[in-house]
Structures are given as structure tokens and as C-alpha cells.
Protein backbone atom coordinates (compact mmCIF):
# COMPACT_ATOMS: atom_id res chain seq x y z
CA UNK A 1 0.02 0.00 -0.06
CA UNK A 2 1.12 3.53 -0.61
CA UNK A 3 0.93 6.35 2.02
CA UNK A 4 -1.46 9.22 1.64
CA UNK A 5 0.64 12.20 1.93
CA UNK A 6 -1.98 14.58 2.02
CA UNK A 7 -3.57 12.99 5.09
CA UNK A 8 -0.16 12.85 6.71
CA UNK A 9 0.46 16.60 6.12
CA UNK A 10 -2.94 17.48 7.43
CA UNK A 11 -2.54 15.33 10.43
CA UNK A 12 0.71 16.85 11.23
CA UNK A 13 -0.52 20.27 10.86
CA UNK A 14 -3.87 20.03 12.51
CA UNK A 15 -4.16 16.64 14.23
CA UNK A 16 -7.20 16.15 12.04
CA UNK A 17 -8.46 12.62 10.92
CA UNK A 18 -11.70 11.06 9.76
CA UNK A 19 -13.27 14.30 8.27
CA UNK A 20 -13.67 13.02 4.78
CA UNK A 21 -13.23 9.69 2.92
CA UNK A 22 -9.53 9.54 2.70
CA UNK A 23 -7.46 7.34 4.95
CA UNK A 24 -3.63 7.13 5.52
CA UNK A 25 -3.49 4.81 2.52
CA UNK A 26 -3.91 5.86 -1.03
CA UNK A 27 -5.56 2.55 -2.10
CA UNK A 28 -8.10 2.57 0.89
CA UNK A 29 -11.14 4.82 1.34
CA UNK A 30 -13.59 5.04 4.31
CA UNK A 31 -17.23 5.85 4.62
CA UNK A 32 -17.92 9.44 5.44
CA UNK A 33 -20.00 10.26 8.46
CA UNK A 34 -23.67 9.32 8.20
CA UNK A 35 -23.18 7.10 5.23
CA UNK A 36 -23.57 3.20 4.74
CA UNK A 37 -22.50 0.92 1.91
CA UNK A 38 -24.28 -1.91 0.23
CA UNK A 39 -21.95 -4.32 -1.83
CA UNK A 40 -23.49 -7.08 -3.89
CA UNK A 41 -23.16 -8.83 -7.31
CA UNK A 42 -23.97 -5.51 -9.19
CA UNK A 43 -21.17 -3.59 -7.42
CA UNK A 44 -21.25 -0.97 -4.48
CA UNK A 45 -23.79 1.70 -3.61
CA UNK A 46 -23.11 4.39 -1.06
CA UNK A 47 -26.16 6.17 0.64
CA UNK A 48 -26.38 8.96 3.11
CA UNK A 49 -28.72 8.04 6.08
CA UNK A 50 -28.42 11.05 8.30
CA UNK A 51 -27.34 14.69 7.82
CA UNK A 52 -26.90 16.95 10.92
CA UNK A 53 -28.50 20.34 10.32
CA UNK A 54 -27.73 22.62 13.32
CA UNK A 55 -30.44 25.15 14.34
CA UNK A 56 -30.91 27.24 17.37
CA UNK A 57 -34.17 27.00 19.58
CA UNK A 58 -35.00 28.46 22.93
CA UNK A 59 -35.18 25.40 25.14
CA UNK A 60 -36.37 25.48 28.76
CA UNK A 61 -33.28 24.35 30.68
CA UNK A 62 -35.26 22.27 33.23
CA UNK A 63 -37.08 20.46 30.44
CA UNK A 64 -33.76 19.78 28.57
CA UNK A 65 -32.27 18.39 31.79
CA UNK A 66 -35.28 16.15 32.31
CA UNK A 67 -35.36 14.93 28.63
CA UNK A 68 -31.67 14.14 28.73
CA UNK A 69 -32.01 12.02 31.95
CA UNK A 70 -34.81 10.04 30.37
CA UNK A 71 -33.01 9.34 27.13
CA UNK A 72 -29.84 8.46 29.04
CA UNK A 73 -31.42 6.07 31.42
CA UNK A 74 -33.33 4.34 28.39
CA UNK A 75 -29.99 3.97 26.79
CA UNK A 76 -28.41 2.38 29.87
CA UNK A 77 -31.36 -0.05 30.34
CA UNK A 78 -31.29 -1.05 26.65
CA UNK A 79 -27.44 -2.01 26.87
CA UNK A 80 -28.14 -3.90 30.03
CA UNK A 81 -30.32 -6.44 28.19
CA UNK A 82 -27.79 -9.19 27.89
CA UNK A 83 -27.44 -12.88 28.33
CA UNK A 84 -23.75 -12.56 29.19
CA UNK A 85 -21.91 -10.62 31.82
CA UNK A 86 -21.76 -6.91 31.49
CA UNK A 87 -19.18 -4.50 33.12
CA UNK A 88 -18.12 -0.97 32.55
CA UNK A 89 -14.85 1.06 32.23
CA UNK A 90 -14.60 3.58 34.85
CA UNK A 91 -11.92 6.32 34.11
CA UNK A 92 -12.82 8.92 36.81
CA UNK A 93 -14.07 11.29 34.05
CA UNK A 94 -17.54 12.51 33.83
CA UNK A 95 -18.75 10.12 31.03
CA UNK A 96 -17.95 6.79 32.60
CA UNK A 97 -18.82 8.01 36.12
CA UNK A 98 -22.26 9.11 35.03
CA UNK A 99 -22.84 5.62 33.44
CA UNK A 100 -21.81 3.83 36.61
CA UNK A 101 -23.80 6.17 38.97
CA UNK A 102 -26.87 5.93 36.68
CA UNK A 103 -26.69 2.00 36.86
CA UNK A 104 -26.48 2.25 40.78
CA UNK A 105 -29.60 4.64 40.78
CA UNK A 106 -31.54 2.14 38.46
CA UNK A 107 -30.62 -0.72 40.83
CA UNK A 108 -28.22 -2.66 38.59
CA UNK A 109 -25.55 -2.66 41.13
CA UNK A 110 -27.15 -4.24 44.14
CA UNK A 111 -25.61 -7.61 44.41
CA UNK A 112 -21.98 -6.25 44.42
CA UNK A 113 -20.94 -8.38 41.37
CA UNK A 114 -20.81 -5.66 38.83
CA UNK A 115 -17.25 -5.20 37.78
CA UNK A 116 -15.58 -1.89 36.79
CA UNK A 117 -12.07 -1.59 34.97
CA UNK A 118 -9.77 1.31 35.23
CA UNK A 119 -6.33 2.31 34.25
CA UNK A 120 -4.55 4.33 36.95
CA UNK A 121 -0.99 5.35 37.59
CA UNK A 122 1.17 5.43 40.52
CA UNK A 123 2.15 8.91 39.86
CA UNK A 124 -0.87 10.87 41.35
CA UNK A 125 -0.52 13.95 39.01
CA UNK A 126 -1.18 11.63 36.07
CA UNK A 127 -3.84 9.54 37.67
CA UNK A 128 -7.79 9.85 38.14
CA UNK A 129 -7.99 7.22 40.81
CA UNK A 130 -8.92 9.81 43.61
CA UNK A 131 -12.17 10.39 41.40
CA UNK A 132 -12.68 6.54 40.84
CA UNK A 133 -12.27 5.87 44.71
CA UNK A 134 -15.24 8.43 45.33
CA UNK A 135 -17.43 6.68 42.92
CA UNK A 136 -16.57 3.32 44.53
CA UNK A 137 -17.58 4.62 47.84
CA UNK A 138 -20.87 5.86 46.38
CA UNK A 139 -21.79 2.80 44.27
CA UNK A 140 -21.87 -0.96 44.99
CA UNK A 141 -19.26 -2.04 42.44
CA UNK A 142 -16.41 -4.54 42.24
CA UNK A 143 -13.39 -2.54 40.82
CA UNK A 144 -10.42 -3.93 38.89
CA UNK A 145 -7.32 -1.63 38.27
CA UNK A 146 -4.39 -1.97 35.92
CA UNK A 147 -1.33 0.09 36.05
CA UNK A 148 0.18 0.69 32.64
CA UNK A 149 3.96 1.09 32.57
CA UNK A 150 6.43 2.89 30.22
CA UNK A 151 7.69 -0.44 29.01
CA UNK A 152 4.20 -1.22 27.80
CA UNK A 153 4.32 1.56 25.26
CA UNK A 154 7.43 -0.19 23.74
CA UNK A 155 6.08 -3.51 23.91
CA UNK A 156 2.62 -2.83 22.47
CA UNK A 157 3.14 0.15 20.06
CA UNK A 158 3.97 -1.95 16.96
CA UNK A 159 0.63 -4.03 17.47
CA UNK A 160 -1.39 -0.88 18.18
CA UNK A 161 -0.26 0.94 15.08
CA UNK A 162 -0.95 -2.23 13.01
CA UNK A 163 -4.51 -2.50 14.27
CA UNK A 164 -5.34 1.23 14.32
CA UNK A 165 -3.72 1.68 10.74
CA UNK A 166 -2.85 5.20 11.75
CA UNK A 167 -1.30 7.50 14.27
CA UNK A 168 -2.84 8.36 17.62
CA UNK A 169 -2.37 11.53 19.77
CA UNK A 170 -2.43 10.10 23.18
CA UNK A 171 -1.39 6.71 24.94
CA UNK A 172 -5.16 6.34 26.14
CA UNK A 173 -5.27 3.93 23.18
CA UNK A 174 -2.65 1.91 25.00
CA UNK A 175 -4.49 2.01 28.39
CA UNK A 176 -7.75 0.85 26.72
CA UNK A 177 -5.92 -2.01 24.87
CA UNK A 178 -4.39 -3.20 28.17
CA UNK A 179 -7.80 -3.06 29.77
CA UNK A 180 -9.55 -5.12 27.15
CA UNK A 181 -6.72 -7.64 27.25
CA UNK A 182 -7.15 -8.00 31.06
CA UNK A 183 -11.06 -8.37 30.70
CA UNK A 184 -10.72 -10.88 27.97
CA UNK A 185 -8.00 -13.06 29.64
CA UNK A 186 -8.91 -12.77 33.38
CA UNK A 187 -12.71 -12.25 33.68
CA UNK A 188 -15.89 -13.61 32.37
CA UNK A 189 -17.09 -10.18 31.33
CA UNK A 190 -18.14 -10.16 27.66
CA UNK A 191 -19.59 -6.73 27.28
CA UNK A 192 -18.51 -3.29 28.67
CA UNK A 193 -20.11 -0.04 28.89
CA UNK A 194 -17.84 2.88 27.87
CA UNK A 195 -18.36 6.79 27.89
CA UNK A 196 -17.27 8.27 24.67
CA UNK A 197 -18.24 11.56 22.73
CA UNK A 198 -19.75 13.77 25.55
CA UNK A 199 -17.22 16.35 24.69
CA UNK A 200 -18.54 16.45 21.08
CA UNK A 201 -22.26 16.46 22.27
CA UNK A 202 -22.01 18.93 25.02
CA UNK A 203 -19.39 21.34 23.92
CA UNK A 204 -16.52 20.12 26.34
CA UNK A 205 -13.57 21.10 24.30
CA UNK A 206 -11.69 24.27 25.02
CA UNK A 207 -12.40 25.65 21.56
CA UNK A 208 -15.99 25.33 22.40
CA UNK A 209 -15.64 27.56 25.48
CA UNK A 210 -13.70 30.23 23.39
CA UNK A 211 -16.93 30.23 21.17
CA UNK A 212 -19.04 30.76 24.25
CA UNK A 213 -16.89 33.71 25.43
CA UNK A 214 -16.87 35.26 21.91
CA UNK A 215 -20.72 34.91 21.71
CA UNK A 216 -21.09 36.70 25.06
CA UNK A 217 -18.67 39.43 23.96
CA UNK A 218 -20.96 39.92 20.93
CA UNK A 219 -23.88 40.23 23.15
CA UNK A 220 -22.29 42.61 25.62
CA UNK A 221 -22.81 40.14 28.51
CA UNK A 222 -19.50 40.93 30.13
CA UNK A 223 -20.47 39.27 33.49
CA UNK A 224 -20.82 35.87 31.48
CA UNK A 225 -17.53 36.59 29.93
CA UNK A 226 -15.66 37.36 33.32
CA UNK A 227 -17.13 34.17 34.59
CA UNK A 228 -16.19 31.82 31.68
CA UNK A 229 -12.66 33.30 31.67
CA UNK A 230 -12.17 32.68 35.31
CA UNK A 231 -13.45 28.92 34.94
CA UNK A 232 -11.14 28.49 31.89
CA UNK A 233 -8.10 29.77 33.46
CA UNK A 234 -8.66 27.65 36.55
CA UNK A 235 -9.59 24.39 34.81
CA UNK A 236 -7.62 24.46 31.60
CA UNK A 237 -3.86 24.89 31.25
CA UNK A 238 -3.97 27.86 29.04
CA UNK A 239 -2.17 31.17 29.23
CA UNK A 240 -3.85 34.69 29.44
CA UNK A 241 -2.08 35.25 26.17
CA UNK A 242 -3.77 32.33 24.33
CA UNK A 243 -7.15 33.72 25.82
CA UNK A 244 -6.52 37.10 24.43
CA UNK A 245 -5.71 35.57 20.99
């Protein structure tokens, strides 16, 4: 296979991937978002099944929160219908913590047999174990911890790159690989719930917060601007110069 230099250049410059049908290989294409492919004796057909059209509506915040709770709980209940053992990843972040706490609230964790799996580190500044421990105290779970080591990156990097078929920006991929390896080899759990995508759905990236600040500047809502800037400087490792830019 031949390397697609256009994708390489874009990735190095912007860390952007999966935004069109190109891949890191010239000879391989991927489906764009919201499309499916039918392949049969007549050839292939690509169809769009969903197109996101952003729009603004003035929703009641209480109703939005209530609707989200209902949808989220329904999604949890649907995924707990299983004839095999189900567990969950628990990173200490909001996504997986919300999943586990909702399972607890819905009564799925009463028998203390529900297993969670976490990658943590001995160096406290890199570990979210302090948040995981708080969740363990509040819920009735059976936690399992792995401790990725620097040597693991050397041992598993060729395997990870082979399966990912492209570069990745953080070693979270390594931690996930080691967790799934542990689950498959050491437990009877066959399905795990995993929180992914909340930043995309709820505007959790720093760039999204910049957009909120700019919008409030445009509306001359300077109290909100001041509040957002304070939160941003406290919670994200950015400089005042970056913020001014």
C-alpha cells in the first residue's frame, strides 16, 4: 500500500483525521459520517442515512435536563439487556462516572458483582484514581485496576499501530488495549459500557468554550465573559495570552 501524503500533512498540521473519505493509505477509502454502503453482485452503492442540520431553539433548561435524563436512562437499560456478563470502564471522568452512577440509581448494582475496569497510575499527578475511589464509595461495584507502565508502550506500540492503521495522539489507546486484554484473559465479562463522545455532544472542548466567550462578548454580556474566563483559567492549562488571542 502507498502512504497518502495529503492526509499525513493535514494530520501533522492540525491533528485532523476522519473528516472525509480519505485514509492514510492511497488505495483505501472510508465511509464518510452518516453514510452506509451496500455491496452485492452489481457492485457497490453508498447512501447517506443522516445529515446533521444545526439550528438554534430557545429550550427550557429544566425540560432539557429532564429529557436528557430520560434518554440516558433508556440507553443504559437497553444496553443492560444481555445474556452474558456486562461490566463498565470507569476512568474517573464525567462520562463513565455518569454511566456507573446511573446504573447504581437504576438498581443494577445491588449484588456487588458488577465489575468496573480502570487504568490508573502510581504517579498521582497523572492518575484519576482519586475520583474513581469516590465513585466506588458511593456505588456497589467491584473495581479492577491496571497500572500501565512505560515498558508497555514499547512492547505494544507496533501492535497498536498495526491495528489502528494510523497514528494516535495519546496513549489512552494503550491503556484501553491493556484493559480489554485484562478483561478477555482474566474475567468472564463479555460486554463493557464505555463513555465516549460527551465532549462532542455537550461542547466540552476548550475551543467550544472560546466560542461561548466570543458569543457573550458579541452580546455585551460581560458578567458571563468574566465568569467563563475565570473558569477557563482555573480548569484548563492555558495562558492569558492564548485567551486574548
